[in-house]
């Protein structure tokens, strides 16, 4: 039983390690992107203010992805 458990652990170890590395890389990319966007927005707001332009409008709020479906009345049987 011990050999089977050891073999199973050795079999899944590379997958778990690669998954963890991938997760850290993607997490780092998302954090860097978020930070860069915030810095860009700050610089853009400062430049707009310096040039006397109005502030950039806020991003529109996107409604729920579910689209209401309109039902058509059933036609009478002919």
Protein backbone atom coordinates (compact mmCIF):
# COMPACT_ATOMS: atom_id res chain seq x y z
CA UNK A 1 0.00 0.00 0.00
CA UNK A 2 2.82 2.38 0.85
CA UNK A 3 4.48 1.85 -2.53
CA UNK A 4 1.21 2.61 -4.32
CA UNK A 5 0.71 5.82 -2.38
CA UNK A 6 4.31 6.90 -3.00
CA UNK A 7 3.98 6.19 -6.71
CA UNK A 8 0.73 8.17 -6.87
CA UNK A 9 2.31 11.14 -5.11
CA UNK A 10 5.31 11.07 -7.45
CA UNK A 11 2.93 10.90 -10.40
CA UNK A 12 0.90 14.00 -9.47
CA UNK A 13 3.78 16.10 -8.10
CA UNK A 14 4.90 17.53 -11.48
CA UNK A 15 1.34 18.48 -12.37
CA UNK A 16 0.76 20.21 -9.05
CA UNK A 17 4.07 22.06 -9.21
CA UNK A 18 3.52 23.23 -12.79
CA UNK A 19 -0.01 24.30 -11.89
CA UNK A 20 1.29 26.34 -8.96
CA UNK A 21 3.98 27.98 -11.10
CA UNK A 22 1.41 28.80 -13.79
CA UNK A 23 -0.94 30.27 -11.17
CA UNK A 24 1.80 32.51 -9.74
CA UNK A 25 2.78 33.73 -13.21
CA UNK A 26 -0.80 34.54 -14.22
CA UNK A 27 -1.41 36.21 -10.85
CA UNK A 28 1.68 38.37 -11.31
CA UNK A 29 0.64 39.36 -14.84
CA UNK A 30 -2.84 40.36 -13.68
CA UNK A 31 -1.46 42.39 -10.77
CA UNK A 32 1.04 44.20 -13.00
CA UNK A 33 -1.70 44.97 -15.52
CA UNK A 34 -3.97 46.34 -12.80
CA UNK A 35 -1.18 48.52 -11.41
CA UNK A 36 -0.22 49.78 -14.86
CA UNK A 37 -3.82 50.68 -15.70
CA UNK A 38 -4.19 52.60 -12.43
CA UNK A 39 -0.96 54.51 -13.06
CA UNK A 40 -1.99 55.29 -16.64
CA UNK A 41 -5.40 56.54 -15.48
CA UNK A 42 -3.74 58.80 -12.92
CA UNK A 43 -1.34 60.26 -15.51
CA UNK A 44 -4.17 60.69 -18.00
CA UNK A 45 -6.31 62.51 -15.42
CA UNK A 46 -3.41 64.83 -14.56
CA UNK A 47 -2.79 65.60 -18.23
CA UNK A 48 -6.48 66.25 -18.90
CA UNK A 49 -6.59 68.61 -15.93
CA UNK A 50 -3.40 70.37 -17.03
CA UNK A 51 -4.83 70.93 -20.52
CA UNK A 52 -8.17 72.12 -19.18
CA UNK A 53 -10.15 69.19 -20.53
CA UNK A 54 -13.11 67.74 -18.66
CA UNK A 55 -12.50 64.56 -16.66
CA UNK A 56 -12.85 61.35 -18.55
CA UNK A 57 -16.34 59.88 -18.12
CA UNK A 58 -16.62 56.80 -15.96
CA UNK A 59 -16.81 53.46 -17.69
CA UNK A 60 -20.39 52.37 -18.32
CA UNK A 61 -21.78 49.73 -16.03
CA UNK A 62 -22.52 46.59 -17.97
CA UNK A 63 -25.82 44.98 -17.08
CA UNK A 64 -26.17 41.33 -16.31
CA UNK A 65 -25.14 39.09 -19.18
CA UNK A 66 -28.55 37.48 -19.27
CA UNK A 67 -30.48 38.96 -22.14
CA UNK A 68 -34.18 39.23 -21.73
CA UNK A 69 -35.92 37.27 -24.40
CA UNK A 70 -39.16 38.59 -25.72
CA UNK A 71 -41.73 35.96 -26.33
CA UNK A 72 -43.87 36.16 -29.39
CA UNK A 73 -47.47 35.12 -29.11
CA UNK A 74 -48.17 31.73 -30.57
CA UNK A 75 -49.97 31.87 -33.86
CA UNK A 76 -53.31 30.10 -33.99
CA UNK A 77 -53.27 26.67 -35.56
CA UNK A 78 -54.45 26.70 -39.13
